[in-house]
Protein backbone atom coordinates (compact mmCIF):
# COMPACT_ATOMS: atom_id res chain seq x y z
CA MET A 1 16.78 -4.14 -36.96
CA ASP A 2 13.63 -5.50 -35.44
CA GLY A 3 10.98 -3.40 -33.62
CA LEU A 4 12.60 -3.93 -30.26
CA GLY A 5 15.89 -2.94 -31.56
CA ILE A 6 14.52 0.19 -33.26
CA ALA A 7 12.75 1.19 -30.02
CA ARG A 8 15.89 0.79 -28.09
CA ALA A 9 18.06 2.87 -30.61
CA GLU A 10 15.38 5.62 -30.34
CA GLY A 11 15.44 5.58 -26.55
CA ALA A 12 19.24 5.89 -26.63
CA ARG A 13 19.00 8.92 -28.94
CA ALA A 14 16.44 10.48 -26.55
CA VAL A 15 18.77 10.09 -23.52
CA LYS A 16 21.61 11.72 -25.45
CA ASP A 17 19.24 14.62 -26.41
CA ARG A 18 18.46 15.16 -22.75
CA VAL A 19 22.04 15.20 -21.68
CA ALA A 20 22.88 17.70 -24.47
CA GLY A 21 19.98 19.90 -23.37
CA GLN A 22 18.05 19.43 -26.68
CA GLY A 23 14.78 18.47 -24.94
CA THR A 24 12.84 15.27 -25.24
CA ASN A 25 9.44 13.89 -26.01
CA LYS A 26 9.43 11.75 -22.84
CA LEU A 27 5.86 12.83 -22.10
CA GLN A 28 4.66 11.22 -25.41
CA ALA A 29 6.93 8.12 -25.04
CA PRO A 30 4.91 4.89 -24.48
CA GLY A 31 4.07 4.14 -20.81
CA PHE A 32 5.42 7.33 -19.30
CA GLY A 33 3.69 7.94 -16.00
CA ARG A 34 1.27 5.02 -16.44
CA ALA A 35 1.90 3.73 -12.90
CA LYS A 36 0.97 5.34 -9.64
CA SER A 37 3.09 2.89 -7.51
CA CYS A 38 5.69 0.14 -7.61
CA ILE A 39 6.13 -3.03 -5.84
CA PHE A 40 9.85 -4.03 -6.16
CA LEU A 41 10.54 -7.63 -5.42
CA PHE A 42 14.27 -8.00 -4.88
CA MET A 43 15.33 -11.66 -5.20
CA TRP A 44 18.49 -11.08 -3.03
CA GLY A 45 21.20 -13.63 -3.73
CA GLY A 46 20.90 -13.97 -7.45
CA PRO A 47 18.38 -16.59 -9.04
CA SER A 48 19.68 -18.72 -11.74
CA GLN A 49 18.44 -17.62 -15.20
CA LEU A 50 18.65 -21.22 -16.50
CA ASP A 51 16.34 -22.69 -13.73
CA THR A 52 13.82 -19.91 -13.81
CA PHE A 53 12.89 -17.83 -16.92
CA ASP A 54 15.59 -18.70 -19.50
CA PRO A 55 15.89 -22.55 -19.58
CA LYS A 56 18.18 -24.16 -22.08
CA PRO A 57 16.72 -27.57 -22.70
CA ASP A 58 19.05 -28.34 -25.63
CA ALA A 59 22.27 -27.55 -23.67
CA PRO A 60 24.41 -30.31 -22.20
CA ARG A 61 23.05 -31.53 -18.81
CA GLU A 62 26.07 -29.93 -16.96
CA ILE A 63 24.61 -26.54 -18.11
CA ARG A 64 20.86 -27.12 -18.30
CA GLY A 65 20.57 -28.98 -14.96
CA PRO A 66 17.94 -31.58 -14.13
CA PHE A 67 14.79 -29.35 -14.50
CA ASP A 68 12.49 -29.79 -17.44
CA THR A 69 10.71 -26.90 -19.03
CA ILE A 70 7.03 -26.06 -19.10
CA ALA A 71 4.87 -24.35 -21.77
CA THR A 72 3.40 -20.95 -20.86
CA ALA A 73 0.40 -18.97 -21.86
CA VAL A 74 2.44 -17.36 -24.61
CA PRO A 75 3.11 -19.66 -27.54
CA GLY A 76 6.75 -20.67 -27.95
CA LEU A 77 7.71 -19.23 -24.49
CA ARG A 78 8.84 -21.72 -21.85
CA PHE A 79 9.83 -21.46 -18.23
CA SER A 80 11.39 -23.83 -15.66
CA GLU A 81 8.94 -26.60 -14.82
CA HIS A 82 8.70 -25.37 -11.33
CA PHE A 83 7.20 -21.93 -12.12
CA THR A 84 3.80 -23.39 -12.83
CA GLY A 85 1.89 -20.35 -11.76
CA ALA A 86 3.99 -17.83 -13.57
CA ALA A 87 3.63 -19.95 -16.71
CA LYS A 88 -0.14 -19.62 -16.63
CA LEU A 89 0.24 -15.84 -16.20
CA ALA A 90 3.01 -15.24 -18.73
CA ASP A 91 0.62 -13.27 -20.88
CA ARG A 92 0.79 -10.56 -18.08
CA LEU A 93 4.57 -10.74 -17.76
CA ALA A 94 7.40 -9.16 -19.66
CA VAL A 95 10.63 -11.35 -19.52
CA ILE A 96 13.96 -9.69 -19.91
CA ARG A 97 16.65 -12.15 -20.78
CA SER A 98 19.59 -9.99 -21.63
CA LEU A 99 20.35 -8.29 -18.30
CA HIS A 100 24.13 -8.03 -17.80
CA HIS A 101 26.92 -6.29 -15.91
CA ASN A 102 30.45 -7.20 -14.86
CA ASP A 103 30.26 -6.97 -11.07
CA PRO A 104 30.10 -10.43 -9.22
CA ALA A 105 29.84 -9.01 -5.75
CA HIS A 106 26.48 -9.08 -3.92
CA LEU A 107 26.66 -5.71 -2.21
CA SER A 108 27.87 -3.43 -4.99
CA SER A 109 25.72 -5.13 -7.67
CA GLY A 110 22.70 -4.82 -5.26
CA HIS A 111 23.32 -1.08 -5.20
CA ALA A 112 23.10 -0.92 -9.06
CA THR A 113 19.89 -3.01 -9.08
CA LEU A 114 18.15 -0.83 -6.41
CA THR A 115 19.29 2.53 -7.50
CA GLY A 116 20.00 2.44 -11.26
CA HIS A 117 23.43 3.69 -10.54
CA ARG A 118 26.90 1.96 -10.10
CA ALA A 119 27.99 1.65 -6.48
CA PRO A 120 30.71 4.19 -5.13
CA VAL A 121 32.97 1.17 -4.83
CA LEU A 122 32.62 -1.56 -7.56
CA ASN A 123 33.29 -5.23 -7.22
CA SER A 124 33.10 -5.12 -3.45
CA ASP A 125 31.28 -7.08 -0.74
CA ALA A 126 33.27 -4.99 1.89
CA GLU A 127 31.70 -1.55 1.30
CA PRO A 128 28.68 -0.94 3.63
CA PRO A 129 25.90 1.60 3.08
CA SER A 130 26.99 5.14 3.11
CA GLU A 131 25.86 8.83 2.35
CA ARG A 132 27.70 8.44 -0.96
CA ASP A 133 25.21 5.84 -2.18
CA THR A 134 22.67 6.79 -4.85
CA PRO A 135 19.32 6.82 -3.33
CA HIS A 136 17.05 3.85 -3.78
CA VAL A 137 14.40 4.36 -6.33
CA GLY A 138 11.83 4.42 -3.53
CA SER A 139 13.68 7.27 -1.89
CA VAL A 140 13.55 9.26 -5.18
CA VAL A 141 9.89 8.64 -5.41
CA ALA A 142 9.43 9.90 -1.79
CA ARG A 143 11.47 12.96 -2.65
CA LEU A 144 9.48 13.84 -5.83
CA ARG A 145 6.01 12.64 -4.81
CA ALA A 146 4.30 12.62 -1.47
CA ALA A 147 2.19 9.63 -0.46
CA ALA A 148 -1.48 9.78 -1.25
CA SER A 149 -2.15 10.38 2.33
CA ASP A 150 -0.17 12.22 5.06
CA SER A 151 -0.70 9.28 7.38
CA VAL A 152 1.14 6.69 5.25
CA PRO A 153 4.86 6.82 4.19
CA SER A 154 5.92 7.15 0.65
CA PHE A 155 8.50 4.35 0.75
CA VAL A 156 8.30 1.06 2.78
CA THR A 157 10.83 -1.82 2.87
CA LEU A 158 10.14 -5.17 4.38
CA PRO A 159 10.87 -7.62 5.96
CA TRP A 160 14.50 -6.78 6.42
CA LEU A 161 17.32 -4.69 4.90
CA ALA A 162 19.27 -7.11 2.54
CA TYR A 163 22.54 -8.05 3.93
CA HIS A 164 24.94 -10.88 3.42
CA PRO A 165 26.19 -12.53 6.67
CA ALA A 166 29.41 -13.71 4.98
CA ALA A 167 30.23 -10.24 3.43
CA PRO A 168 32.56 -7.91 5.41
CA GLY A 169 30.32 -4.97 4.46
CA GLY A 170 27.16 -6.66 5.79
CA LYS A 171 24.15 -4.69 4.62
CA ALA A 172 23.83 -3.88 0.81
CA PRO A 173 24.43 -0.21 -0.11
CA GLY A 174 21.57 1.53 -1.99
CA GLN A 175 18.70 0.71 0.28
CA HIS A 176 18.23 4.09 1.81
CA GLY A 177 18.13 7.91 0.98
CA GLY A 178 21.84 8.03 0.12
CA TRP A 179 23.07 11.32 -1.02
CA LEU A 180 19.45 12.68 -0.68
CA GLY A 181 19.68 12.35 3.10
CA SER A 182 18.07 10.18 5.74
CA ARG A 183 14.85 12.06 5.47
CA PHE A 184 14.16 9.75 2.47
CA ASP A 185 15.01 6.49 4.12
CA PRO A 186 12.15 3.89 3.87
CA MET A 187 9.96 2.96 6.70
CA LEU A 188 11.30 -0.51 7.69
CA LEU A 189 8.99 -3.17 8.69
CA THR A 190 10.81 -6.20 10.05
CA GLY A 191 9.73 -9.60 11.16
CA ASP A 192 7.52 -12.28 9.81
CA PRO A 193 3.97 -11.01 8.83
CA ASN A 194 2.85 -14.60 8.84
CA ALA A 195 3.56 -14.97 12.57
CA PRO A 196 0.42 -14.77 14.83
CA ASP A 197 2.00 -12.12 17.05
CA TRP A 198 3.45 -9.94 14.26
CA ARG A 199 2.63 -6.23 14.49
CA VAL A 200 4.01 -2.94 13.46
CA ALA A 201 5.67 -1.40 16.47
CA GLU A 202 5.18 2.13 15.21
CA LEU A 203 1.36 1.68 15.18
CA SER A 204 1.03 0.29 18.66
CA LEU A 205 0.44 2.45 21.73
CA PRO A 206 1.29 1.11 25.21
CA ASP A 207 -1.75 0.38 27.41
CA SER A 208 -0.83 3.28 29.63
CA ILE A 209 -0.93 5.89 26.85
CA SER A 210 -4.42 7.03 25.52
CA GLN A 211 -5.10 8.90 22.28
CA GLN A 212 -5.56 12.14 24.20
CA ARG A 213 -2.30 11.63 26.11
CA LEU A 214 -0.54 10.98 22.80
CA GLU A 215 -1.78 14.30 21.40
CA SER A 216 -0.64 16.18 24.52
CA ARG A 217 2.78 14.66 24.19
CA GLN A 218 2.90 15.74 20.55
CA ALA A 219 2.03 19.34 21.53
CA LEU A 220 4.86 19.37 24.04
CA LEU A 221 7.30 17.80 21.57
CA ARG A 222 6.45 20.73 19.14
CA ASP A 223 7.31 23.21 21.82
CA VAL A 224 10.70 21.46 22.47
CA ASP A 225 11.53 21.18 18.81
CA ALA A 226 10.85 24.89 18.36
CA GLN A 227 13.56 25.71 20.86
CA ARG A 228 15.92 23.06 19.34
CA ARG A 229 15.62 24.55 15.86
CA LEU A 230 17.09 27.56 17.21
CA LEU A 231 20.26 25.69 17.97
CA ASP A 232 20.31 23.25 15.11
CA ALA A 233 17.84 23.77 12.32
CA ALA A 234 19.10 21.17 9.91
CA ALA A 235 19.37 18.45 12.44
CA SER A 236 16.06 19.03 14.09
CA GLY A 237 14.41 19.09 10.66
CA THR A 238 15.24 15.61 9.95
CA ALA A 239 14.36 14.34 13.40
CA ALA A 240 11.11 16.30 13.43
CA GLY A 241 10.15 14.66 10.28
CA PHE A 242 10.59 11.15 11.58
CA LYS A 243 8.65 12.08 14.82
CA GLN A 244 5.80 13.76 12.92
CA GLN A 245 5.40 10.60 10.75
CA ALA A 246 5.36 8.42 13.81
CA PHE A 247 2.61 10.56 15.34
CA ASP A 248 0.66 10.53 12.20
CA LEU A 249 0.82 6.69 12.05
CA LEU A 250 -0.24 6.33 15.65
CA SER A 251 -3.13 8.74 15.39
CA SER A 252 -4.49 7.58 12.02
CA GLY A 253 -7.03 4.82 11.89
CA SER A 254 -6.66 4.55 8.08
CA ALA A 255 -2.88 4.15 8.48
CA ARG A 256 -3.33 1.46 10.97
CA SER A 257 -5.83 -0.27 8.67
CA ALA A 258 -3.27 -0.36 5.84
CA PHE A 259 -0.90 -2.41 7.78
CA ASP A 260 -3.54 -4.73 9.34
CA LEU A 261 -3.38 -8.19 7.64
CA SER A 262 -6.08 -9.46 9.89
CA ALA A 263 -8.46 -7.56 7.81
CA GLU A 264 -7.86 -9.95 4.92
CA THR A 265 -9.87 -13.13 4.58
CA GLU A 266 -8.22 -16.44 5.43
CA ALA A 267 -8.69 -17.49 1.74
CA THR A 268 -6.78 -14.39 0.53
CA ARG A 269 -3.97 -15.02 3.00
CA GLU A 270 -3.75 -18.65 1.80
CA ARG A 271 -3.80 -17.52 -1.80
CA TYR A 272 -0.60 -15.55 -1.29
CA GLY A 273 1.02 -18.42 0.86
CA ARG A 274 1.18 -18.70 4.51
CA ASN A 275 4.81 -17.88 4.66
CA ILE A 276 7.00 -14.70 5.23
CA HIS A 277 7.30 -13.81 1.51
CA GLY A 278 3.65 -14.40 0.73
CA GLN A 279 2.43 -12.35 3.57
CA CYS A 280 4.90 -9.62 2.71
CA LEU A 281 3.44 -9.30 -0.86
CA LEU A 282 -0.10 -9.19 0.54
CA LEU A 283 0.88 -6.41 2.84
CA ALA A 284 2.67 -4.68 -0.08
CA ARG A 285 -0.64 -4.84 -1.98
CA ARG A 286 -2.48 -3.30 0.99
CA LEU A 287 0.05 -0.54 1.14
CA VAL A 288 0.02 0.53 -2.45
CA GLU A 289 -3.81 0.30 -2.21
CA ASN A 290 -3.60 2.98 0.61
CA GLY A 291 -1.29 5.30 -1.23
CA VAL A 292 2.30 4.17 -0.62
CA GLY A 293 4.41 5.07 -3.69
CA LEU A 294 6.96 2.14 -3.58
CA VAL A 295 7.22 -0.90 -1.43
CA SER A 296 10.42 -2.90 -1.68
CA VAL A 297 10.13 -6.47 -0.62
CA ASN A 298 13.58 -8.10 -0.10
CA TRP A 299 13.78 -11.78 -0.22
CA HIS A 300 14.15 -12.77 3.50
CA ASN A 301 17.08 -14.34 5.25
CA ASP A 302 16.01 -17.84 5.64
CA GLY A 303 19.25 -19.04 7.15
CA GLN A 304 20.27 -20.98 4.08
CA ASN A 305 21.85 -18.19 1.94
CA PHE A 306 18.54 -17.17 0.14
CA TRP A 307 18.95 -17.31 -3.68
CA ASP A 308 22.75 -17.56 -3.31
CA THR A 309 22.82 -21.20 -4.24
CA HIS A 310 26.63 -22.07 -4.46
CA GLY A 311 25.58 -25.57 -3.34
CA ASN A 312 22.41 -27.69 -3.40
CA ASN A 313 21.07 -25.29 -6.03
CA PHE A 314 18.37 -27.58 -7.48
CA ASN A 315 16.90 -28.84 -4.26
CA ARG A 316 16.84 -25.40 -2.80
CA LEU A 317 15.04 -24.01 -5.84
CA LYS A 318 12.54 -26.85 -6.14
CA ASN A 319 11.66 -27.23 -2.43
CA ASP A 320 12.35 -23.85 -0.73
CA LEU A 321 12.61 -20.93 -3.09
CA ILE A 322 10.52 -21.30 -6.25
CA PRO A 323 7.33 -22.53 -4.64
CA PRO A 324 6.71 -19.43 -2.47
CA ALA A 325 8.11 -17.00 -4.89
CA ASP A 326 5.91 -18.37 -7.64
CA LYS A 327 2.72 -18.64 -5.57
CA ALA A 328 3.03 -15.20 -4.06
CA LEU A 329 3.89 -13.49 -7.49
CA CYS A 330 0.87 -14.97 -9.13
CA ALA A 331 -1.41 -14.10 -6.26
CA LEU A 332 -0.23 -10.48 -6.35
CA ILE A 333 -0.69 -10.07 -10.09
CA THR A 334 -4.16 -11.63 -10.04
CA ASP A 335 -5.30 -9.76 -7.05
CA LEU A 336 -4.29 -6.36 -8.47
CA GLU A 337 -5.92 -7.29 -11.63
CA GLU A 338 -9.09 -8.26 -9.91
CA ARG A 339 -9.09 -4.96 -8.01
CA GLY A 340 -8.48 -2.86 -11.09
CA MET A 341 -4.94 -1.86 -9.85
CA LEU A 342 -2.65 -3.81 -12.15
CA ASP A 343 -2.43 -1.22 -14.82
CA GLU A 344 -1.42 1.43 -12.37
CA THR A 345 1.08 -0.69 -10.32
CA ILE A 346 4.37 -1.74 -11.82
CA ILE A 347 5.79 -4.93 -10.35
CA ALA A 348 9.44 -5.73 -10.69
CA TRP A 349 11.00 -9.19 -9.98
CA VAL A 350 14.81 -9.37 -10.22
CA GLY A 351 17.99 -10.25 -8.38
CA GLU A 352 21.40 -8.56 -8.47
CA PHE A 353 22.80 -11.14 -10.93
CA GLY A 354 22.36 -14.68 -12.16
CA ARG A 355 24.15 -17.97 -11.86
CA LYS A 356 27.10 -19.39 -13.79
CA PRO A 357 25.80 -21.81 -16.45
CA ARG A 358 28.27 -24.56 -15.76
CA ILE A 359 27.24 -26.48 -12.62
CA THR A 360 29.76 -26.69 -9.79
CA ASN A 361 30.38 -29.93 -7.99
CA LYS A 362 27.12 -31.41 -9.60
CA THR A 363 24.86 -29.40 -7.23
CA GLY A 364 25.65 -25.62 -7.24
CA ARG A 365 25.93 -22.59 -9.45
CA GLU A 366 28.34 -19.71 -8.79
CA HIS A 367 27.77 -15.91 -9.24
CA TRP A 368 27.24 -14.93 -12.89
CA PRO A 369 26.51 -11.13 -13.68
CA TYR A 370 27.26 -11.50 -17.42
CA CYS A 371 23.76 -12.63 -18.28
CA TYR A 372 20.65 -12.98 -16.23
CA SER A 373 16.79 -12.54 -16.32
CA GLY A 374 14.18 -10.24 -14.70
CA LEU A 375 10.37 -9.72 -14.89
CA LEU A 376 8.22 -6.68 -15.11
CA ALA A 377 4.43 -6.62 -14.99
CA GLY A 378 1.64 -4.01 -14.71
CA GLY A 379 1.97 -0.33 -14.91
CA GLY A 380 1.54 -0.29 -18.71
CA ILE A 381 4.01 -3.13 -19.35
CA ARG A 382 3.07 -5.16 -22.37
CA GLY A 383 2.38 -8.64 -21.12
CA GLY A 384 3.48 -11.75 -23.02
CA SER A 385 6.61 -10.04 -24.32
CA VAL A 386 10.29 -11.00 -24.22
CA TYR A 387 13.04 -8.44 -24.39
CA GLY A 388 16.49 -9.61 -25.64
CA ALA A 389 17.95 -13.09 -25.68
CA SER A 390 20.74 -15.01 -24.25
CA ASP A 391 23.18 -17.25 -26.21
CA LYS A 392 22.63 -20.97 -26.26
CA MET A 393 24.21 -21.52 -22.83
CA ALA A 394 22.78 -18.32 -21.15
CA GLU A 395 26.38 -17.05 -20.70
CA HIS A 396 26.07 -13.78 -22.42
CA PRO A 397 23.33 -11.60 -24.14
CA ALA A 398 22.88 -12.44 -27.79
CA ASP A 399 20.40 -9.72 -28.57
CA LEU A 400 19.55 -6.40 -27.11
CA PRO A 401 21.78 -6.37 -24.09
CA CYS A 402 20.61 -4.24 -21.28
CA THR A 403 21.86 -3.29 -17.76
CA PRO A 404 20.33 -3.05 -14.22
CA GLN A 405 20.50 0.60 -14.75
CA ASP A 406 18.22 0.33 -17.73
CA TYR A 407 15.88 -1.89 -15.67
CA ALA A 408 15.65 0.78 -12.93
CA ALA A 409 15.19 3.46 -15.60
CA THR A 410 12.25 1.53 -16.84
CA ILE A 411 10.65 1.57 -13.44
CA TYR A 412 11.25 5.33 -13.20
CA HIS A 413 9.72 5.79 -16.63
CA ALA A 414 6.53 3.95 -15.75
CA LEU A 415 6.26 6.05 -12.56
CA GLY A 416 6.52 9.30 -14.64
CA VAL A 417 10.04 10.19 -13.59
CA ASP A 418 12.66 11.13 -16.10
CA PRO A 419 15.62 8.76 -15.27
CA SER A 420 18.07 11.53 -16.48
CA LEU A 421 16.67 13.92 -13.88
CA MET A 422 19.23 15.71 -11.78
CA LEU A 423 18.52 16.34 -7.99
CA PRO A 424 20.49 18.19 -5.44
CA ASP A 425 22.27 16.31 -2.77
CA ARG A 426 22.40 17.55 0.88
CA PHE A 427 25.25 19.92 -0.22
CA GLY A 428 23.15 21.32 -3.12
CA ARG A 429 25.30 19.55 -5.86
CA PRO A 430 23.09 18.28 -8.84
CA LEU A 431 23.41 14.54 -9.30
CA ARG A 432 21.76 12.28 -11.83
CA ILE A 433 19.35 9.83 -10.18
CA CYS A 434 19.85 6.89 -12.81
CA GLU A 435 22.47 5.95 -15.29
CA GLY A 436 20.16 3.90 -17.49
CA GLU A 437 17.69 4.37 -20.34
CA PRO A 438 14.15 3.00 -20.14
CA LEU A 439 13.17 -0.01 -22.17
CA THR A 440 10.14 1.69 -23.73
CA ALA A 441 9.58 -1.07 -26.13
CA LEU A 442 8.11 -3.06 -23.19
CA PHE A 443 5.17 -0.75 -22.89
CA GLY A 444 1.99 -1.47 -24.85
């Protein structure tokens, strides 16, 4: 068994020990608690593993597709030719090539990716979000650790809640507080941050309301809420929390600054890409810099089924999807590194599944959860590493198979959260936050 295999076996034993109540040495495990924050880049729709970070140049053309491969900064490691930026920064990346599960539905597999727990209803695009959902990783972070400042939220999602317009269930489950309750839902920032008139509505006062008048209204609201709590303590507690956060945001100059992209130089904005995804990542950097614990950037709805490339896969990847994704990811890594923040910020880049190796109708790839790739960087992750391997067609894992639950557990581990932790739901029942085990071999 190689080093990675040994590390994985030891990780499995540690999880079994925790469940059995025998204790653990998690505080001594590599990378535990190294990261202060996380930027989770959810590539909604399912990027093709063969056309991104696990190309198969020796496979038949109907498998490998028309793309060539490109050498990276790591000897022997090759990416798709269109990830030119990521190839140059491969020594900062950990590539996981053995992710797999058996759920081909967008919504339920999205839940597993964002929460580290199987969805309440499996293999389903018809089940919308519910209070039965496991909370998003960001909701757990918000529950366990307050933001660095009272005036910024702990968990932010942008630029939309991931949904599938053709799915009966619509929005993907697992994007909110779930069984922890709505108090731990993310602050949702919608719209295109690249638009000249984009602004955060929660940070804007109407011209008719001064700061003094706002403070007077807050005092009045406190009196009203005090009366309401006598009638309905539980409900008013949640509502009051949202209202207080809104007032904090409105009244704090530092909070408004965190959301203000106009404070960035034009060169920096161009560096990330003058598009919705690039500016979302720049905003994510500003937010974690100001103490937000987790920022989830969902790939936006561009009207062309995002990474869900059943048809026109190669043109969509080459022209519309890979260029902004590659540019923004590289800008984020480089920017964090230059600011001394990369080692304390874990970056995740992953979709809910991959694409079927055999090309459909010469242009498309269908859903394929049985083998796909993801990236991790920063937060103590050992750059230039590859975890696991796929078979010669990228159909199934050939070495060190791992799950989206393990991927989420690795993020928790970096953030100093034991993925086997039990938290009470809104009825006081203890539930485990994550089903996976961390890939501790990825930490330097």
